[in-house]
Amino acid sequence: MKFLAEINVMPLKALLDPQGKAVLQSMHNIGYKTVGDVRIGKHITIELEADAKEVAEAIIADACKKMLSNQIMESFEFTIKQVK
């Protein structure tokens, strides 16, 4: 079966996000004064073949832990759906 994984990797909330802070400051400078916080991360999509959704989930979780995120500084979450 073919699956599509949608993965979001974000900096941990406890860590400073300089890119997010720069965007926040720029938004305030151009008039978006009501914006309170900006965090910048990565969005990754992966198509994969697996025998079952549980197998696909295990593959993606392992890839996120080993390669797609830095577990010391980032968290990740993902969804997987079957595609035709």
N, C-alpha and C. Protein backbone atom coordinates (compact mmCIF):
# COMPACT_ATOMS: atom_id res chain seq x y z
N MET A 1 0.84 -1.18 0.00
CA MET A 1 0.00 0.00 0.00
C MET A 1 0.88 1.24 0.00
N LYS A 2 0.36 2.30 -0.56
CA LYS A 2 1.09 3.56 -0.63
C LYS A 2 0.54 4.51 0.44
N PHE A 3 1.44 5.19 1.14
CA PHE A 3 1.07 6.13 2.19
C PHE A 3 1.74 7.47 1.97
N LEU A 4 1.11 8.49 2.52
CA LEU A 4 1.68 9.84 2.51
C LEU A 4 1.82 10.30 3.95
N ALA A 5 3.04 10.65 4.33
CA ALA A 5 3.30 11.16 5.67
C ALA A 5 3.48 12.67 5.59
N GLU A 6 2.83 13.38 6.50
CA GLU A 6 2.97 14.83 6.65
C GLU A 6 3.64 15.04 8.01
N ILE A 7 4.85 15.59 8.00
CA ILE A 7 5.65 15.71 9.21
C ILE A 7 5.91 17.19 9.51
N ASN A 8 5.74 17.56 10.77
CA ASN A 8 6.09 18.91 11.23
C ASN A 8 7.18 18.79 12.27
N VAL A 9 8.27 19.51 12.07
CA VAL A 9 9.39 19.55 13.00
C VAL A 9 9.50 20.99 13.49
N MET A 10 9.47 21.14 14.82
CA MET A 10 9.50 22.48 15.40
C MET A 10 10.57 22.56 16.49
N PRO A 11 11.13 23.76 16.71
CA PRO A 11 12.05 23.91 17.83
C PRO A 11 11.30 23.70 19.14
N LEU A 12 11.98 23.14 20.12
CA LEU A 12 11.36 22.96 21.43
C LEU A 12 10.95 24.32 21.99
N LYS A 13 9.83 24.35 22.69
CA LYS A 13 9.32 25.62 23.23
C LYS A 13 10.29 26.27 24.20
N ALA A 14 11.07 25.46 24.92
CA ALA A 14 12.00 26.00 25.91
C ALA A 14 13.21 26.69 25.28
N LEU A 15 13.43 26.49 23.97
CA LEU A 15 14.61 27.05 23.31
C LEU A 15 14.27 28.32 22.55
N LEU A 16 15.24 29.19 22.47
CA LEU A 16 15.10 30.42 21.70
C LEU A 16 14.99 30.08 20.22
N ASP A 17 14.09 30.77 19.52
CA ASP A 17 13.92 30.59 18.07
C ASP A 17 14.28 31.92 17.40
N PRO A 18 15.57 32.15 17.09
CA PRO A 18 15.97 33.45 16.54
C PRO A 18 15.28 33.79 15.24
N GLN A 19 15.05 32.81 14.39
CA GLN A 19 14.37 33.07 13.12
C GLN A 19 12.93 33.52 13.38
N GLY A 20 12.26 32.86 14.31
CA GLY A 20 10.90 33.24 14.67
C GLY A 20 10.85 34.64 15.27
N LYS A 21 11.83 34.95 16.13
CA LYS A 21 11.88 36.28 16.75
C LYS A 21 12.09 37.36 15.70
N ALA A 22 12.93 37.10 14.69
CA ALA A 22 13.18 38.07 13.63
C ALA A 22 11.90 38.31 12.82
N VAL A 23 11.18 37.24 12.52
CA VAL A 23 9.93 37.38 11.77
C VAL A 23 8.90 38.13 12.61
N LEU A 24 8.82 37.83 13.91
CA LEU A 24 7.90 38.53 14.80
C LEU A 24 8.18 40.02 14.81
N GLN A 25 9.46 40.38 14.94
CA GLN A 25 9.83 41.80 14.95
C GLN A 25 9.45 42.47 13.63
N SER A 26 9.70 41.80 12.52
CA SER A 26 9.34 42.35 11.21
C SER A 26 7.83 42.52 11.08
N MET A 27 7.08 41.56 11.58
CA MET A 27 5.61 41.68 11.51
C MET A 27 5.12 42.87 12.32
N HIS A 28 5.71 43.07 13.50
CA HIS A 28 5.35 44.25 14.30
C HIS A 28 5.72 45.53 13.57
N ASN A 29 6.90 45.53 12.91
CA ASN A 29 7.36 46.72 12.20
C ASN A 29 6.45 47.11 11.05
N ILE A 30 5.80 46.13 10.41
CA ILE A 30 4.93 46.48 9.27
C ILE A 30 3.46 46.58 9.67
N GLY A 31 3.20 46.57 10.98
CA GLY A 31 1.85 46.87 11.43
C GLY A 31 1.05 45.73 12.03
N TYR A 32 1.59 44.53 12.07
CA TYR A 32 0.86 43.40 12.66
C TYR A 32 1.15 43.34 14.16
N LYS A 33 0.66 44.33 14.90
CA LYS A 33 0.97 44.48 16.32
C LYS A 33 0.32 43.42 17.19
N THR A 34 -0.74 42.76 16.70
CA THR A 34 -1.45 41.78 17.52
C THR A 34 -0.80 40.40 17.50
N VAL A 35 0.19 40.20 16.65
CA VAL A 35 0.89 38.91 16.60
C VAL A 35 1.76 38.79 17.85
N GLY A 36 1.59 37.69 18.59
CA GLY A 36 2.27 37.55 19.87
C GLY A 36 3.49 36.65 19.84
N ASP A 37 3.54 35.68 18.96
CA ASP A 37 4.67 34.76 18.92
C ASP A 37 4.75 34.12 17.55
N VAL A 38 5.96 33.90 17.09
CA VAL A 38 6.20 33.21 15.83
C VAL A 38 7.27 32.16 16.07
N ARG A 39 7.02 30.95 15.65
CA ARG A 39 8.00 29.86 15.71
C ARG A 39 8.14 29.31 14.30
N ILE A 40 9.35 29.10 13.86
CA ILE A 40 9.61 28.64 12.50
C ILE A 40 10.15 27.21 12.58
N GLY A 41 9.58 26.33 11.77
CA GLY A 41 10.02 24.95 11.73
C GLY A 41 10.08 24.43 10.30
N LYS A 42 9.97 23.11 10.18
CA LYS A 42 10.02 22.47 8.86
C LYS A 42 8.75 21.64 8.66
N HIS A 43 8.28 21.61 7.42
CA HIS A 43 7.18 20.73 7.03
C HIS A 43 7.74 19.79 5.96
N ILE A 44 7.59 18.50 6.19
CA ILE A 44 8.17 17.49 5.29
C ILE A 44 7.06 16.54 4.86
N THR A 45 7.01 16.21 3.58
CA THR A 45 6.08 15.18 3.10
C THR A 45 6.90 14.04 2.53
N ILE A 46 6.46 12.82 2.84
CA ILE A 46 7.15 11.63 2.37
C ILE A 46 6.11 10.64 1.86
N GLU A 47 6.31 10.13 0.65
CA GLU A 47 5.50 9.03 0.15
C GLU A 47 6.29 7.75 0.38
N LEU A 48 5.60 6.71 0.84
CA LEU A 48 6.27 5.45 1.08
C LEU A 48 5.33 4.27 0.87
N GLU A 49 5.92 3.14 0.62
CA GLU A 49 5.19 1.88 0.48
C GLU A 49 5.36 1.09 1.77
N ALA A 50 4.26 0.52 2.26
CA ALA A 50 4.31 -0.33 3.45
C ALA A 50 3.13 -1.29 3.40
N ASP A 51 3.25 -2.40 4.12
CA ASP A 51 2.20 -3.41 4.14
C ASP A 51 0.97 -2.97 4.95
N ALA A 52 1.18 -2.08 5.93
CA ALA A 52 0.08 -1.61 6.77
C ALA A 52 0.42 -0.22 7.31
N LYS A 53 -0.60 0.50 7.77
CA LYS A 53 -0.39 1.84 8.29
C LYS A 53 0.55 1.82 9.49
N GLU A 54 0.43 0.80 10.34
CA GLU A 54 1.30 0.71 11.51
C GLU A 54 2.77 0.59 11.12
N VAL A 55 3.04 -0.13 10.05
CA VAL A 55 4.41 -0.28 9.56
C VAL A 55 4.91 1.07 9.05
N ALA A 56 4.08 1.77 8.30
CA ALA A 56 4.45 3.10 7.79
C ALA A 56 4.72 4.06 8.95
N GLU A 57 3.88 4.02 9.97
CA GLU A 57 4.08 4.88 11.14
C GLU A 57 5.41 4.59 11.82
N ALA A 58 5.76 3.32 11.94
CA ALA A 58 7.02 2.95 12.58
C ALA A 58 8.22 3.44 11.76
N ILE A 59 8.13 3.33 10.44
CA ILE A 59 9.21 3.79 9.57
C ILE A 59 9.39 5.30 9.71
N ILE A 60 8.29 6.04 9.66
CA ILE A 60 8.36 7.51 9.74
C ILE A 60 8.86 7.95 11.11
N ALA A 61 8.37 7.34 12.18
CA ALA A 61 8.83 7.70 13.53
C ALA A 61 10.33 7.47 13.65
N ASP A 62 10.81 6.36 13.12
CA ASP A 62 12.24 6.05 13.18
C ASP A 62 13.04 7.07 12.36
N ALA A 63 12.56 7.41 11.17
CA ALA A 63 13.25 8.40 10.33
C ALA A 63 13.28 9.77 11.01
N CYS A 64 12.19 10.14 11.67
CA CYS A 64 12.15 11.43 12.37
C CYS A 64 13.17 11.45 13.51
N LYS A 65 13.25 10.37 14.25
CA LYS A 65 14.18 10.30 15.39
C LYS A 65 15.63 10.28 14.92
N LYS A 66 15.92 9.56 13.84
CA LYS A 66 17.31 9.36 13.41
C LYS A 66 17.83 10.43 12.46
N MET A 67 16.93 11.04 11.65
CA MET A 67 17.44 11.88 10.59
C MET A 67 16.71 13.21 10.42
N LEU A 68 15.41 13.24 10.55
CA LEU A 68 14.65 14.43 10.17
C LEU A 68 14.56 15.49 11.26
N SER A 69 14.84 15.11 12.50
CA SER A 69 14.81 16.09 13.58
C SER A 69 16.01 15.90 14.49
N ASN A 70 16.38 16.96 15.16
CA ASN A 70 17.42 16.92 16.18
C ASN A 70 16.69 16.82 17.52
N GLN A 71 16.68 15.65 18.12
CA GLN A 71 15.89 15.39 19.32
C GLN A 71 16.29 16.28 20.50
N ILE A 72 17.48 16.84 20.48
CA ILE A 72 17.92 17.72 21.56
C ILE A 72 17.23 19.08 21.47
N MET A 73 16.98 19.54 20.23
CA MET A 73 16.47 20.90 20.03
C MET A 73 15.09 20.96 19.40
N GLU A 74 14.59 19.84 18.86
CA GLU A 74 13.34 19.87 18.10
C GLU A 74 12.39 18.76 18.54
N SER A 75 11.12 19.02 18.31
CA SER A 75 10.10 17.99 18.47
C SER A 75 9.47 17.75 17.10
N PHE A 76 8.79 16.62 16.96
CA PHE A 76 8.13 16.35 15.69
C PHE A 76 6.78 15.71 15.95
N GLU A 77 5.91 15.87 14.97
CA GLU A 77 4.62 15.16 14.95
C GLU A 77 4.32 14.86 13.50
N PHE A 78 3.53 13.81 13.29
CA PHE A 78 3.22 13.45 11.91
C PHE A 78 1.87 12.79 11.82
N THR A 79 1.32 12.84 10.60
CA THR A 79 0.11 12.11 10.27
C THR A 79 0.42 11.27 9.04
N ILE A 80 -0.25 10.15 8.93
CA ILE A 80 -0.06 9.28 7.78
C ILE A 80 -1.43 8.90 7.25
N LYS A 81 -1.58 9.00 5.93
CA LYS A 81 -2.82 8.56 5.29
C LYS A 81 -2.50 7.72 4.08
N GLN A 82 -3.37 6.79 3.83
CA GLN A 82 -3.21 5.92 2.68
C GLN A 82 -3.64 6.69 1.43
N VAL A 83 -2.87 6.53 0.37
CA VAL A 83 -3.20 7.16 -0.91
C VAL A 83 -3.34 6.08 -1.96
N LYS A 84 -4.07 6.40 -3.00
CA LYS A 84 -4.32 5.41 -4.07
C LYS A 84 -3.27 5.49 -5.13
